[in-house]
Amino acid sequence: AKYFANSVREAVLLDRTRGGVVFMPGAAGTVQEIF
């Protein structure tokens, strides 16, 4: 599911993962996704 709008893409990704999210080591983008 490839989007043009990154904000929509991030919201969709987190909203659909109802079984949870595993966060591997990452930088600013991963920290943003955590919070």
PDB file of all heavy atoms in Angstrom:
ATOM      1  N   ALA A   1       0.872  -1.182   0.000  1.00  0.00           N
ATOM      2  CA  ALA A   1       0.000   0.000   0.000  1.00  0.00           C
ATOM      3  C   ALA A   1       0.901   1.221   0.000  1.00  0.00           C
ATOM      4  O   ALA A   1       1.309   1.698   1.062  1.00  0.00           O
ATOM      5  CB  ALA A   1      -0.910  -0.010   1.218  1.00  0.00           C
ATOM      6  N   LYS A   2       1.236   1.710  -1.169  1.00  0.00           N
ATOM      7  CA  LYS A   2       2.175   2.828  -1.256  1.00  0.00           C
ATOM      8  C   LYS A   2       1.407   4.137  -1.437  1.00  0.00           C
ATOM      9  O   LYS A   2       0.590   4.283  -2.337  1.00  0.00           O
ATOM     10  CB  LYS A   2       3.170   2.638  -2.403  1.00  0.00           C
ATOM     11  CG  LYS A   2       4.320   3.649  -2.344  1.00  0.00           C
ATOM     12  CD  LYS A   2       5.552   3.202  -3.090  1.00  0.00           C
ATOM     13  CE  LYS A   2       6.718   4.150  -2.820  1.00  0.00           C
ATOM     14  NZ  LYS A   2       7.964   3.760  -3.477  1.00  0.00           N
ATOM     15  N   TYR A   3       1.705   5.082  -0.552  1.00  0.00           N
ATOM     16  CA  TYR A   3       1.006   6.366  -0.503  1.00  0.00           C
ATOM     17  C   TYR A   3       1.915   7.505  -0.973  1.00  0.00           C
ATOM     18  O   TYR A   3       3.140   7.404  -0.916  1.00  0.00           O
ATOM     19  CB  TYR A   3       0.564   6.675   0.927  1.00  0.00           C
ATOM     20  CG  TYR A   3      -0.565   5.819   1.451  1.00  0.00           C
ATOM     21  CD1 TYR A   3      -0.315   4.578   2.030  1.00  0.00           C
ATOM     22  CD2 TYR A   3      -1.879   6.259   1.388  1.00  0.00           C
ATOM     23  CE1 TYR A   3      -1.350   3.802   2.533  1.00  0.00           C
ATOM     24  CE2 TYR A   3      -2.924   5.489   1.889  1.00  0.00           C
ATOM     25  CZ  TYR A   3      -2.656   4.265   2.462  1.00  0.00           C
ATOM     26  OH  TYR A   3      -3.682   3.496   2.952  1.00  0.00           O
ATOM     27  N   PHE A   4       1.290   8.600  -1.363  1.00  0.00           N
ATOM     28  CA  PHE A   4       2.028   9.843  -1.585  1.00  0.00           C
ATOM     29  C   PHE A   4       2.191  10.605  -0.269  1.00  0.00           C
ATOM     30  O   PHE A   4       3.247  11.158   0.004  1.00  0.00           O
ATOM     31  CB  PHE A   4       1.309  10.727  -2.611  1.00  0.00           C
ATOM     32  CG  PHE A   4       1.393  10.192  -4.017  1.00  0.00           C
ATOM     33  CD1 PHE A   4       0.314   9.577  -4.610  1.00  0.00           C
ATOM     34  CD2 PHE A   4       2.573  10.288  -4.744  1.00  0.00           C
ATOM     35  CE1 PHE A   4       0.387   9.076  -5.898  1.00  0.00           C
ATOM     36  CE2 PHE A   4       2.672   9.794  -6.037  1.00  0.00           C
ATOM     37  CZ  PHE A   4       1.573   9.183  -6.611  1.00  0.00           C
ATOM     38  N   ALA A   5       1.152  10.644   0.539  1.00  0.00           N
ATOM     39  CA  ALA A   5       1.175  11.410   1.790  1.00  0.00           C
ATOM     40  C   ALA A   5       1.793  10.576   2.903  1.00  0.00           C
ATOM     41  O   ALA A   5       1.225   9.566   3.327  1.00  0.00           O
ATOM     42  CB  ALA A   5      -0.238  11.838   2.177  1.00  0.00           C
ATOM     43  N   ASN A   6       2.953  10.980   3.395  1.00  0.00           N
ATOM     44  CA  ASN A   6       3.633  10.211   4.422  1.00  0.00           C
ATOM     45  C   ASN A   6       2.859  10.195   5.733  1.00  0.00           C
ATOM     46  O   ASN A   6       2.841   9.195   6.450  1.00  0.00           O
ATOM     47  CB  ASN A   6       5.038  10.774   4.654  1.00  0.00           C
ATOM     48  CG  ASN A   6       5.840   9.916   5.614  1.00  0.00           C
ATOM     49  OD1 ASN A   6       5.962   8.704   5.414  1.00  0.00           O
ATOM     50  ND2 ASN A   6       6.386  10.516   6.658  1.00  0.00           N
ATOM     51  N   SER A   7       2.215  11.304   6.084  1.00  0.00           N
ATOM     52  CA  SER A   7       1.468  11.354   7.340  1.00  0.00           C
ATOM     53  C   SER A   7       0.324  10.350   7.336  1.00  0.00           C
ATOM     54  O   SER A   7       0.053   9.690   8.349  1.00  0.00           O
ATOM     55  CB  SER A   7       0.930  12.767   7.575  1.00  0.00           C
ATOM     56  OG  SER A   7       0.107  13.176   6.498  1.00  0.00           O
ATOM     57  N   VAL A   8      -0.339  10.216   6.195  1.00  0.00           N
ATOM     58  CA  VAL A   8      -1.412   9.234   6.078  1.00  0.00           C
ATOM     59  C   VAL A   8      -0.843   7.835   6.205  1.00  0.00           C
ATOM     60  O   VAL A   8      -1.382   6.981   6.909  1.00  0.00           O
ATOM     61  CB  VAL A   8      -2.147   9.394   4.728  1.00  0.00           C
ATOM     62  CG1 VAL A   8      -3.166   8.271   4.530  1.00  0.00           C
ATOM     63  CG2 VAL A   8      -2.827  10.752   4.655  1.00  0.00           C
ATOM     64  N   ARG A   9       0.255   7.604   5.551  1.00  0.00           N
ATOM     65  CA  ARG A   9       0.889   6.275   5.563  1.00  0.00           C
ATOM     66  C   ARG A   9       1.257   5.844   6.978  1.00  0.00           C
ATOM     67  O   ARG A   9       0.994   4.717   7.396  1.00  0.00           O
ATOM     68  CB  ARG A   9       2.113   6.326   4.653  1.00  0.00           C
ATOM     69  CG  ARG A   9       3.069   5.165   4.806  1.00  0.00           C
ATOM     70  CD  ARG A   9       4.345   5.583   5.493  1.00  0.00           C
ATOM     71  NE  ARG A   9       5.380   4.572   5.348  1.00  0.00           N
ATOM     72  CZ  ARG A   9       6.627   4.759   5.699  1.00  0.00           C
ATOM     73  NH1 ARG A   9       7.007   5.930   6.178  1.00  0.00           N
ATOM     74  NH2 ARG A   9       7.513   3.800   5.559  1.00  0.00           N
ATOM     75  N   GLU A  10       1.856   6.754   7.767  1.00  0.00           N
ATOM     76  CA  GLU A  10       2.264   6.413   9.128  1.00  0.00           C
ATOM     77  C   GLU A  10       1.062   6.111  10.008  1.00  0.00           C
ATOM     78  O   GLU A  10       1.074   5.162  10.793  1.00  0.00           O
ATOM     79  CB  GLU A  10       3.098   7.543   9.719  1.00  0.00           C
ATOM     80  CG  GLU A  10       4.483   7.666   9.086  1.00  0.00           C
ATOM     81  CD  GLU A  10       5.292   8.798   9.687  1.00  0.00           C
ATOM     82  OE1 GLU A  10       4.681   9.710  10.285  1.00  0.00           O
ATOM     83  OE2 GLU A  10       6.523   8.768   9.556  1.00  0.00           O
ATOM     84  N   ALA A  11       0.024   6.937   9.890  1.00  0.00           N
ATOM     85  CA  ALA A  11      -1.179   6.721  10.690  1.00  0.00           C
ATOM     86  C   ALA A  11      -1.834   5.394  10.341  1.00  0.00           C
ATOM     87  O   ALA A  11      -2.279   4.649  11.228  1.00  0.00           O
ATOM     88  CB  ALA A  11      -2.156   7.878  10.483  1.00  0.00           C
ATOM     89  N   VAL A  12      -1.888   5.076   9.045  1.00  0.00           N
ATOM     90  CA  VAL A  12      -2.499   3.826   8.594  1.00  0.00           C
ATOM     91  C   VAL A  12      -1.718   2.632   9.125  1.00  0.00           C
ATOM     92  O   VAL A  12      -2.298   1.656   9.622  1.00  0.00           O
ATOM     93  CB  VAL A  12      -2.561   3.786   7.050  1.00  0.00           C
ATOM     94  CG1 VAL A  12      -2.867   2.374   6.547  1.00  0.00           C
ATOM     95  CG2 VAL A  12      -3.614   4.761   6.546  1.00  0.00           C
ATOM     96  N   LEU A  13      -0.408   2.694   9.057  1.00  0.00           N
ATOM     97  CA  LEU A  13       0.427   1.578   9.489  1.00  0.00           C
ATOM     98  C   LEU A  13       0.217   1.265  10.968  1.00  0.00           C
ATOM     99  O   LEU A  13       0.012   0.111  11.361  1.00  0.00           O
ATOM    100  CB  LEU A  13       1.900   1.900   9.218  1.00  0.00           C
ATOM    101  CG  LEU A  13       2.929   0.846   9.621  1.00  0.00           C
ATOM    102  CD1 LEU A  13       2.614  -0.501   8.995  1.00  0.00           C
ATOM    103  CD2 LEU A  13       4.331   1.299   9.223  1.00  0.00           C
ATOM    104  N   LEU A  14       0.232   2.289  11.817  1.00  0.00           N
ATOM    105  CA  LEU A  14       0.062   2.065  13.246  1.00  0.00           C
ATOM    106  C   LEU A  14      -1.367   1.653  13.587  1.00  0.00           C
ATOM    107  O   LEU A  14      -1.585   0.840  14.494  1.00  0.00           O
ATOM    108  CB  LEU A  14       0.455   3.325  14.025  1.00  0.00           C
ATOM    109  CG  LEU A  14       1.949   3.672  13.973  1.00  0.00           C
ATOM    110  CD1 LEU A  14       2.217   5.024  14.616  1.00  0.00           C
ATOM    111  CD2 LEU A  14       2.791   2.589  14.660  1.00  0.00           C
ATOM    112  N   ASP A  15      -2.316   2.174  12.862  1.00  0.00           N
ATOM    113  CA  ASP A  15      -3.714   1.854  13.142  1.00  0.00           C
ATOM    114  C   ASP A  15      -4.045   0.410  12.806  1.00  0.00           C
ATOM    115  O   ASP A  15      -4.883  -0.210  13.469  1.00  0.00           O
ATOM    116  CB  ASP A  15      -4.627   2.797  12.354  1.00  0.00           C
ATOM    117  CG  ASP A  15      -6.096   2.534  12.622  1.00  0.00           C
ATOM    118  OD1 ASP A  15      -6.518   2.686  13.793  1.00  0.00           O
ATOM    119  OD2 ASP A  15      -6.820   2.171  11.680  1.00  0.00           O
ATOM    120  N   ARG A  16      -3.407  -0.132  11.772  1.00  0.00           N
ATOM    121  CA  ARG A  16      -3.753  -1.483  11.323  1.00  0.00           C
ATOM    122  C   ARG A  16      -3.049  -2.586  12.104  1.00  0.00           C
ATOM    123  O   ARG A  16      -3.423  -3.745  12.001  1.00  0.00           O
ATOM    124  CB  ARG A  16      -3.437  -1.644   9.827  1.00  0.00           C
ATOM    125  CG  ARG A  16      -4.203  -0.715   8.899  1.00  0.00           C
ATOM    126  CD  ARG A  16      -5.714  -0.849   9.065  1.00  0.00           C
ATOM    127  NE  ARG A  16      -6.440  -0.156   8.009  1.00  0.00           N
ATOM    128  CZ  ARG A  16      -6.781   1.125   8.034  1.00  0.00           C
ATOM    129  NH1 ARG A  16      -6.472   1.862   9.096  1.00  0.00           N
ATOM    130  NH2 ARG A  16      -7.451   1.672   7.040  1.00  0.00           N
ATOM    131  N   THR A  17      -2.027  -2.254  12.862  1.00  0.00           N
ATOM    132  CA  THR A  17      -1.250  -3.291  13.572  1.00  0.00           C
ATOM    133  C   THR A  17      -1.842  -3.516  14.963  1.00  0.00           C
ATOM    134  O   THR A  17      -1.231  -3.203  15.983  1.00  0.00           O
ATOM    135  CB  THR A  17       0.229  -2.886  13.666  1.00  0.00           C
ATOM    136  OG1 THR A  17       0.324  -1.538  14.162  1.00  0.00           O
ATOM    137  CG2 THR A  17       0.881  -2.935  12.293  1.00  0.00           C
ATOM    138  N   ARG A  18      -3.038  -4.106  14.980  1.00  0.00           N
ATOM    139  CA  ARG A  18      -3.742  -4.304  16.248  1.00  0.00           C
ATOM    140  C   ARG A  18      -3.115  -5.414  17.088  1.00  0.00           C
ATOM    141  O   ARG A  18      -3.408  -5.534  18.272  1.00  0.00           O
ATOM    142  CB  ARG A  18      -5.213  -4.635  15.988  1.00  0.00           C
ATOM    143  CG  ARG A  18      -5.977  -3.607  15.170  1.00  0.00           C
ATOM    144  CD  ARG A  18      -5.800  -2.204  15.721  1.00  0.00           C
ATOM    145  NE  ARG A  18      -6.112  -2.118  17.128  1.00  0.00           N
ATOM    146  CZ  ARG A  18      -5.574  -1.228  17.953  1.00  0.00           C
ATOM    147  NH1 ARG A  18      -4.682  -0.369  17.496  1.00  0.00           N
ATOM    148  NH2 ARG A  18      -5.908  -1.203  19.220  1.00  0.00           N
ATOM    149  N   GLY A  19      -2.265  -6.238  16.506  1.00  0.00           N
ATOM    150  CA  GLY A  19      -1.569  -7.265  17.280  1.00  0.00           C
ATOM    151  C   GLY A  19      -0.337  -6.734  17.975  1.00  0.00           C
ATOM    152  O   GLY A  19       0.345  -7.478  18.687  1.00  0.00           O
ATOM    153  N   GLY A  20      -0.055  -5.446  17.787  1.00  0.00           N
ATOM    154  CA  GLY A  20       1.095  -4.833  18.444  1.00  0.00           C
ATOM    155  C   GLY A  20       2.173  -4.425  17.471  1.00  0.00           C
ATOM    156  O   GLY A  20       2.109  -4.728  16.268  1.00  0.00           O
ATOM    157  N   VAL A  21       3.172  -3.733  18.006  1.00  0.00           N
ATOM    158  CA  VAL A  21       4.290  -3.259  17.200  1.00  0.00           C
ATOM    159  C   VAL A  21       5.590  -3.595  17.912  1.00  0.00           C
ATOM    160  O   VAL A  21       5.725  -3.378  19.129  1.00  0.00           O
ATOM    161  CB  VAL A  21       4.223  -1.743  16.959  1.00  0.00           C
ATOM    162  CG1 VAL A  21       5.382  -1.294  16.084  1.00  0.00           C
ATOM    163  CG2 VAL A  21       2.896  -1.356  16.306  1.00  0.00           C
ATOM    164  N   VAL A  22       6.538  -4.134  17.170  1.00  0.00           N
ATOM    165  CA  VAL A  22       7.893  -4.389  17.668  1.00  0.00           C
ATOM    166  C   VAL A  22       8.801  -3.317  17.084  1.00  0.00           C
ATOM    167  O   VAL A  22       8.818  -3.104  15.867  1.00  0.00           O
ATOM    168  CB  VAL A  22       8.385  -5.785  17.258  1.00  0.00           C
ATOM    169  CG1 VAL A  22       9.803  -6.018  17.778  1.00  0.00           C
ATOM    170  CG2 VAL A  22       7.438  -6.868  17.777  1.00  0.00           C
ATOM    171  N   PHE A  23       9.557  -2.642  17.952  1.00  0.00           N
ATOM    172  CA  PHE A  23      10.438  -1.567  17.517  1.00  0.00           C
ATOM    173  C   PHE A  23      11.891  -2.014  17.624  1.00  0.00           C
ATOM    174  O   PHE A  23      12.420  -2.220  18.717  1.00  0.00           O
ATOM    175  CB  PHE A  23      10.217  -0.315  18.375  1.00  0.00           C
ATOM    176  CG  PHE A  23       8.830   0.258  18.257  1.00  0.00           C
ATOM    177  CD1 PHE A  23       7.830  -0.118  19.138  1.00  0.00           C
ATOM    178  CD2 PHE A  23       8.523   1.159  17.243  1.00  0.00           C
ATOM    179  CE1 PHE A  23       6.542   0.402  19.025  1.00  0.00           C
ATOM    180  CE2 PHE A  23       7.247   1.684  17.123  1.00  0.00           C
ATOM    181  CZ  PHE A  23       6.253   1.307  18.016  1.00  0.00           C
ATOM    182  N   MET A  24      12.519  -2.187  16.466  1.00  0.00           N
ATOM    183  CA  MET A  24      13.935  -2.489  16.419  1.00  0.00           C
ATOM    184  C   MET A  24      14.727  -1.189  16.536  1.00  0.00           C
ATOM    185  O   MET A  24      14.174  -0.097  16.376  1.00  0.00           O
ATOM    186  CB  MET A  24      14.261  -3.193  15.099  1.00  0.00           C
ATOM    187  CG  MET A  24      13.581  -4.532  14.925  1.00  0.00           C
ATOM    188  SD  MET A  24      14.093  -5.764  16.148  1.00  0.00           S
ATOM    189  CE  MET A  24      15.766  -6.131  15.564  1.00  0.00           C
ATOM    190  N   PRO A  25      16.024  -1.268  16.823  1.00  0.00           N
ATOM    191  CA  PRO A  25      16.825  -0.042  16.889  1.00  0.00           C
ATOM    192  C   PRO A  25      16.718   0.760  15.596  1.00  0.00           C
ATOM    193  O   PRO A  25      16.797   0.226  14.493  1.00  0.00           O
ATOM    194  CB  PRO A  25      18.246  -0.572  17.105  1.00  0.00           C
ATOM    195  CG  PRO A  25      18.049  -1.863  17.840  1.00  0.00           C
ATOM    196  CD  PRO A  25      16.809  -2.453  17.242  1.00  0.00           C
ATOM    197  N   GLY A  26      16.504   2.040  15.739  1.00  0.00           N
ATOM    198  CA  GLY A  26      16.377   2.935  14.594  1.00  0.00           C
ATOM    199  C   GLY A  26      16.718   4.349  15.013  1.00  0.00           C
ATOM    200  O   GLY A  26      17.150   4.590  16.145  1.00  0.00           O
ATOM    201  N   ALA A  27      16.500   5.280  14.112  1.00  0.00           N
ATOM    202  CA  ALA A  27      16.854   6.673  14.397  1.00  0.00           C
ATOM    203  C   ALA A  27      15.584   7.507  14.585  1.00  0.00           C
ATOM    204  O   ALA A  27      14.611   7.048  15.173  1.00  0.00           O
ATOM    205  CB  ALA A  27      17.728   7.221  13.273  1.00  0.00           C
ATOM    206  N   ALA A  28      15.592   8.733  14.065  1.00  0.00           N
ATOM    207  CA  ALA A  28      14.509   9.679  14.338  1.00  0.00           C
ATOM    208  C   ALA A  28      13.145   9.143  13.914  1.00  0.00           C
ATOM    209  O   ALA A  28      12.149   9.314  14.631  1.00  0.00           O
ATOM    210  CB  ALA A  28      14.803  10.998  13.634  1.00  0.00           C
ATOM    211  N   GLY A  29      13.090   8.495  12.740  1.00  0.00           N
ATOM    212  CA  GLY A  29      11.803   7.996  12.261  1.00  0.00           C
ATOM    213  C   GLY A  29      11.216   6.949  13.192  1.00  0.00           C
ATOM    214  O   GLY A  29      10.008   6.950  13.464  1.00  0.00           O
ATOM    215  N   THR A  30      12.063   6.046  13.698  1.00  0.00           N
ATOM    216  CA  THR A  30      11.580   5.002  14.595  1.00  0.00           C
ATOM    217  C   THR A  30      11.145   5.591  15.934  1.00  0.00           C
ATOM    218  O   THR A  30      10.133   5.175  16.508  1.00  0.00           O
ATOM    219  CB  THR A  30      12.669   3.936  14.811  1.00  0.00           C
ATOM    220  OG1 THR A  30      13.132   3.468  13.538  1.00  0.00           O
ATOM    221  CG2 THR A  30      12.132   2.757  15.605  1.00  0.00           C
ATOM    222  N   VAL A  31      11.904   6.574  16.428  1.00  0.00           N
ATOM    223  CA  VAL A  31      11.521   7.240  17.677  1.00  0.00           C
ATOM    224  C   VAL A  31      10.163   7.928  17.516  1.00  0.00           C
ATOM    225  O   VAL A  31       9.299   7.860  18.400  1.00  0.00           O
ATOM    226  CB  VAL A  31      12.596   8.257  18.113  1.00  0.00           C
ATOM    227  CG1 VAL A  31      12.120   9.070  19.308  1.00  0.00           C
ATOM    228  CG2 VAL A  31      13.895   7.533  18.463  1.00  0.00           C
ATOM    229  N   GLN A  32       9.978   8.582  16.386  1.00  0.00           N
ATOM    230  CA  GLN A  32       8.687   9.217  16.121  1.00  0.00           C
ATOM    231  C   GLN A  32       7.567   8.187  16.138  1.00  0.00           C
ATOM    232  O   GLN A  32       6.485   8.421  16.706  1.00  0.00           O
ATOM    233  CB  GLN A  32       8.718   9.927  14.773  1.00  0.00           C
ATOM    234  CG  GLN A  32       7.373  10.546  14.372  1.00  0.00           C
ATOM    235  CD  GLN A  32       7.383  11.120  12.967  1.00  0.00           C
ATOM    236  OE1 GLN A  32       8.441  11.398  12.416  1.00  0.00           O
ATOM    237  NE2 GLN A  32       6.221  11.301  12.385  1.00  0.00           N
ATOM    238  N   GLU A  33       7.804   7.026  15.516  1.00  0.00           N
ATOM    239  CA  GLU A  33       6.780   5.981  15.462  1.00  0.00           C
ATOM    240  C   GLU A  33       6.480   5.436  16.852  1.00  0.00           C
ATOM    241  O   GLU A  33       5.322   5.120  17.159  1.00  0.00           O
ATOM    242  CB  GLU A  33       7.231   4.872  14.517  1.00  0.00           C
ATOM    243  CG  GLU A  33       7.217   5.299  13.052  1.00  0.00           C
ATOM    244  CD  GLU A  33       8.062   4.439  12.152  1.00  0.00           C
ATOM    245  OE1 GLU A  33       8.862   3.619  12.668  1.00  0.00           O
ATOM    246  OE2 GLU A  33       7.960   4.587  10.924  1.00  0.00           O
ATOM    247  N   ILE A  34       7.498   5.321  17.703  1.00  0.00           N
ATOM    248  CA  ILE A  34       7.279   4.844  19.066  1.00  0.00           C
ATOM    249  C   ILE A  34       6.275   5.735  19.780  1.00  0.00           C
ATOM    250  O   ILE A  34       5.294   5.262  20.380  1.00  0.00           O
ATOM    251  CB  ILE A  34       8.609   4.779  19.854  1.00  0.00           C
ATOM    252  CG1 ILE A  34       9.478   3.625  19.347  1.00  0.00           C
ATOM    253  CG2 ILE A  34       8.338   4.616  21.359  1.00  0.00           C
ATOM    254  CD1 ILE A  34      10.864   3.583  19.969  1.00  0.00           C
ATOM    255  N   PHE A  35       6.509   7.049  19.715  1.00  0.00           N
ATOM    256  CA  PHE A  35       5.664   7.935  20.501  1.00  0.00           C
ATOM    257  C   PHE A  35       4.354   8.280  19.799  1.00  0.00           C
ATOM    258  O   PHE A  35       3.379   8.659  20.458  1.00  0.00           O
ATOM    259  CB  PHE A  35       6.462   9.167  20.909  1.00  0.00           C
ATOM    260  CG  PHE A  35       7.505   8.817  21.937  1.00  0.00           C
ATOM    261  CD1 PHE A  35       8.841   8.750  21.591  1.00  0.00           C
ATOM    262  CD2 PHE A  35       7.131   8.483  23.224  1.00  0.00           C
ATOM    263  CE1 PHE A  35       9.797   8.372  22.520  1.00  0.00           C
ATOM    264  CE2 PHE A  35       8.076   8.104  24.168  1.00  0.00           C
ATOM    265  CZ  PHE A  35       9.409   8.053  23.820  1.00  0.00           C
TER     266      PHE A  35
END
